[in-house]
Amino acid sequence: NSTGKGDAGNPNGKPDSYANNSGGKTGGTLKVTKGDRTIVNNYIFMGDLPRATINAVIKVSPAGRGTFVTFDKGSTSADAKYANAIRGYLPNIEFNKSDHESIVTVPFNFREQ
C-alpha cells in the first residue's frame, strides 16, 4: 500500500538551509576567483554578520589548508569580525593539494537573514 502521505517539508523553507534549524542562514558556495587552487569541498558557511562581500586573501598550504591573510580589493568591509568569521570557516574548507604554497582570493558573501 503506497498511498501514505509523506512530509513535504516547509513550502516556504529555503532549499539549502539546514533541516531542523528554523534560522537556517546560508552564504552560498565558495570558489577561488584569483590564484591557482580550487576548493574541493563545497562548504556552505553560516553567519550572523551584517551584509558584506569579503574578498579574502588566503594562503593555501601544499596540503590544501587555508590561512586568512588579509582583505583584497573590492571587499565592502575590512572589519575584524569578518576576518575572524572567515578564520573560523577555513578549517572546514579544503583546497586541492599541490606541490607548493599558493595565495588565492575567495569571495565570501555575508547575507543577513
C-alpha atoms as a PDB file:
ATOM      1  CA  ASN A   1       0.000   0.000   0.000  1.00  0.00           C
ATOM      2  CA  SER A   2       1.723   3.179  -1.162  1.00  0.00           C
ATOM      3  CA  THR A   3      -0.944   5.783  -0.514  1.00  0.00           C
ATOM      4  CA  GLY A   4       0.710   7.247   2.597  1.00  0.00           C
ATOM      5  CA  LYS A   5       1.428  10.956   2.541  1.00  0.00           C
ATOM      6  CA  GLY A   6       4.993  11.904   3.455  1.00  0.00           C
ATOM      7  CA  ASP A   7       6.030  15.195   4.985  1.00  0.00           C
ATOM      8  CA  ALA A   8       6.622  17.579   2.099  1.00  0.00           C
ATOM      9  CA  GLY A   9       8.644  19.957   4.262  1.00  0.00           C
ATOM     10  CA  ASN A  10       8.030  23.651   4.745  1.00  0.00           C
ATOM     11  CA  PRO A  11       6.902  25.142   1.412  1.00  0.00           C
ATOM     12  CA  ASN A  12       8.376  28.478   2.489  1.00  0.00           C
ATOM     13  CA  GLY A  13      11.711  26.954   3.505  1.00  0.00           C
ATOM     14  CA  LYS A  14      14.961  27.673   1.757  1.00  0.00           C
ATOM     15  CA  PRO A  15      16.113  24.581  -0.147  1.00  0.00           C
ATOM     16  CA  ASP A  16      19.706  24.991   1.033  1.00  0.00           C
ATOM     17  CA  SER A  17      19.108  25.723   4.697  1.00  0.00           C
ATOM     18  CA  TYR A  18      19.749  23.077   7.287  1.00  0.00           C
ATOM     19  CA  ALA A  19      16.950  20.820   8.476  1.00  0.00           C
ATOM     20  CA  ASN A  20      15.599  21.309  11.994  1.00  0.00           C
ATOM     21  CA  ASN A  21      17.122  24.777  12.101  1.00  0.00           C
ATOM     22  CA  SER A  22      14.453  27.418  11.763  1.00  0.00           C
ATOM     23  CA  GLY A  23      17.080  30.131  11.384  1.00  0.00           C
ATOM     24  CA  GLY A  24      18.993  28.472   8.553  1.00  0.00           C
ATOM     25  CA  LYS A  25      21.455  31.036   7.272  1.00  0.00           C
ATOM     26  CA  THR A  26      23.273  30.446   4.048  1.00  0.00           C
ATOM     27  CA  GLY A  27      26.115  32.295   2.471  1.00  0.00           C
ATOM     28  CA  GLY A  28      26.378  30.487  -0.820  1.00  0.00           C
ATOM     29  CA  THR A  29      29.050  28.239  -2.191  1.00  0.00           C
ATOM     30  CA  LEU A  30      32.658  29.350  -2.353  1.00  0.00           C
ATOM     31  CA  LYS A  31      35.048  29.460  -5.272  1.00  0.00           C
ATOM     32  CA  VAL A  32      38.528  30.806  -5.899  1.00  0.00           C
ATOM     33  CA  THR A  33      38.494  33.912  -8.106  1.00  0.00           C
ATOM     34  CA  LYS A  34      42.256  34.535  -8.172  1.00  0.00           C
ATOM     35  CA  GLY A  35      45.045  32.012  -7.805  1.00  0.00           C
ATOM     36  CA  ASP A  36      45.948  28.525  -8.969  1.00  0.00           C
ATOM     37  CA  ARG A  37      43.999  26.417  -6.474  1.00  0.00           C
ATOM     38  CA  THR A  38      40.409  25.234  -6.276  1.00  0.00           C
ATOM     39  CA  ILE A  39      38.080  24.441  -3.405  1.00  0.00           C
ATOM     40  CA  VAL A  40      37.347  20.717  -3.398  1.00  0.00           C
ATOM     41  CA  ASN A  41      34.583  20.595  -0.811  1.00  0.00           C
ATOM     42  CA  ASN A  42      31.617  22.850  -1.316  1.00  0.00           C
ATOM     43  CA  TYR A  43      31.314  24.295   2.162  1.00  0.00           C
ATOM     44  CA  ILE A  44      28.217  26.390   2.905  1.00  0.00           C
ATOM     45  CA  PHE A  45      29.117  28.828   5.632  1.00  0.00           C
ATOM     46  CA  MET A  46      26.707  30.325   8.122  1.00  0.00           C
ATOM     47  CA  GLY A  47      26.883  33.813   9.512  1.00  0.00           C
ATOM     48  CA  ASP A  48      25.039  36.368  11.573  1.00  0.00           C
ATOM     49  CA  LEU A  49      27.106  39.335  10.440  1.00  0.00           C
ATOM     50  CA  PRO A  50      25.732  42.316   8.501  1.00  0.00           C
ATOM     51  CA  ARG A  51      25.628  42.066   4.711  1.00  0.00           C
ATOM     52  CA  ALA A  52      29.076  42.353   3.134  1.00  0.00           C
ATOM     53  CA  THR A  53      31.207  40.887   0.401  1.00  0.00           C
ATOM     54  CA  ILE A  54      34.653  39.990   1.647  1.00  0.00           C
ATOM     55  CA  ASN A  55      37.322  39.128  -0.896  1.00  0.00           C
ATOM     56  CA  ALA A  56      39.588  37.146   1.380  1.00  0.00           C
ATOM     57  CA  VAL A  57      43.247  36.661   0.504  1.00  0.00           C
ATOM     58  CA  ILE A  58      44.074  33.152   1.698  1.00  0.00           C
ATOM     59  CA  LYS A  59      47.418  31.386   1.894  1.00  0.00           C
ATOM     60  CA  VAL A  60      46.916  27.734   0.950  1.00  0.00           C
ATOM     61  CA  SER A  61      49.394  25.102   2.092  1.00  0.00           C
ATOM     62  CA  PRO A  62      50.528  22.301  -0.240  1.00  0.00           C
ATOM     63  CA  ALA A  63      48.184  20.024   1.760  1.00  0.00           C
ATOM     64  CA  GLY A  64      45.189  22.235   0.898  1.00  0.00           C
ATOM     65  CA  ARG A  65      44.651  24.066   4.203  1.00  0.00           C
ATOM     66  CA  GLY A  66      43.902  27.778   4.069  1.00  0.00           C
ATOM     67  CA  THR A  67      45.003  30.634   6.339  1.00  0.00           C
ATOM     68  CA  PHE A  68      43.401  34.085   6.197  1.00  0.00           C
ATOM     69  CA  VAL A  69      45.956  36.734   5.196  1.00  0.00           C
ATOM     70  CA  THR A  70      44.081  39.977   4.512  1.00  0.00           C
ATOM     71  CA  PHE A  71      41.176  41.655   2.726  1.00  0.00           C
ATOM     72  CA  ASP A  72      41.565  42.014  -1.044  1.00  0.00           C
ATOM     73  CA  LYS A  73      40.407  44.960  -3.146  1.00  0.00           C
ATOM     74  CA  GLY A  74      36.652  45.060  -3.622  1.00  0.00           C
ATOM     75  CA  SER A  75      35.777  43.990  -0.074  1.00  0.00           C
ATOM     76  CA  THR A  76      32.869  46.035   1.259  1.00  0.00           C
ATOM     77  CA  SER A  77      34.227  45.900   4.817  1.00  0.00           C
ATOM     78  CA  ALA A  78      37.582  45.368   6.491  1.00  0.00           C
ATOM     79  CA  ASP A  79      36.087  44.819   9.947  1.00  0.00           C
ATOM     80  CA  ALA A  80      37.964  42.294  12.080  1.00  0.00           C
ATOM     81  CA  LYS A  81      34.729  40.420  12.804  1.00  0.00           C
ATOM     82  CA  TYR A  82      34.650  39.268   9.159  1.00  0.00           C
ATOM     83  CA  ALA A  83      38.288  38.181   9.300  1.00  0.00           C
ATOM     84  CA  ASN A  84      37.546  36.251  12.496  1.00  0.00           C
ATOM     85  CA  ALA A  85      34.488  34.603  10.916  1.00  0.00           C
ATOM     86  CA  ILE A  86      36.493  33.552   7.852  1.00  0.00           C
ATOM     87  CA  ARG A  87      39.286  32.222  10.086  1.00  0.00           C
ATOM     88  CA  GLY A  88      36.595  30.124  11.762  1.00  0.00           C
ATOM     89  CA  TYR A  89      35.370  28.744   8.413  1.00  0.00           C
ATOM     90  CA  LEU A  90      38.778  27.927   6.937  1.00  0.00           C
ATOM     91  CA  PRO A  91      39.364  24.687   8.888  1.00  0.00           C
ATOM     92  CA  ASN A  92      36.232  23.348   7.152  1.00  0.00           C
ATOM     93  CA  ILE A  93      37.271  24.445   3.660  1.00  0.00           C
ATOM     94  CA  GLU A  94      39.501  22.122   1.703  1.00  0.00           C
ATOM     95  CA  PHE A  95      41.584  23.278  -1.252  1.00  0.00           C
ATOM     96  CA  ASN A  96      43.142  20.962  -3.807  1.00  0.00           C
ATOM     97  CA  LYS A  97      46.571  19.597  -2.926  1.00  0.00           C
ATOM     98  CA  SER A  98      49.649  20.897  -4.740  1.00  0.00           C
ATOM     99  CA  ASP A  99      53.427  20.797  -4.568  1.00  0.00           C
ATOM    100  CA  HIS A 100      53.603  24.446  -3.489  1.00  0.00           C
ATOM    101  CA  GLU A 101      52.019  27.082  -1.304  1.00  0.00           C
ATOM    102  CA  SER A 102      49.567  29.427  -3.045  1.00  0.00           C
ATOM    103  CA  ILE A 103      47.960  32.781  -2.410  1.00  0.00           C
ATOM    104  CA  VAL A 104      44.343  32.824  -3.609  1.00  0.00           C
ATOM    105  CA  THR A 105      41.335  35.120  -3.318  1.00  0.00           C
ATOM    106  CA  VAL A 106      37.969  33.712  -2.258  1.00  0.00           C
ATOM    107  CA  PRO A 107      34.869  35.956  -2.064  1.00  0.00           C
ATOM    108  CA  PHE A 108      32.655  35.371   0.978  1.00  0.00           C
ATOM    109  CA  ASN A 109      29.156  36.829   0.650  1.00  0.00           C
ATOM    110  CA  PHE A 110      27.703  37.570   4.065  1.00  0.00           C
ATOM    111  CA  ARG A 111      23.920  37.982   3.957  1.00  0.00           C
ATOM    112  CA  GLU A 112      21.749  38.878   6.876  1.00  0.00           C
ATOM    113  CA  GLN A 113      18.618  36.789   7.228  1.00  0.00           C
END
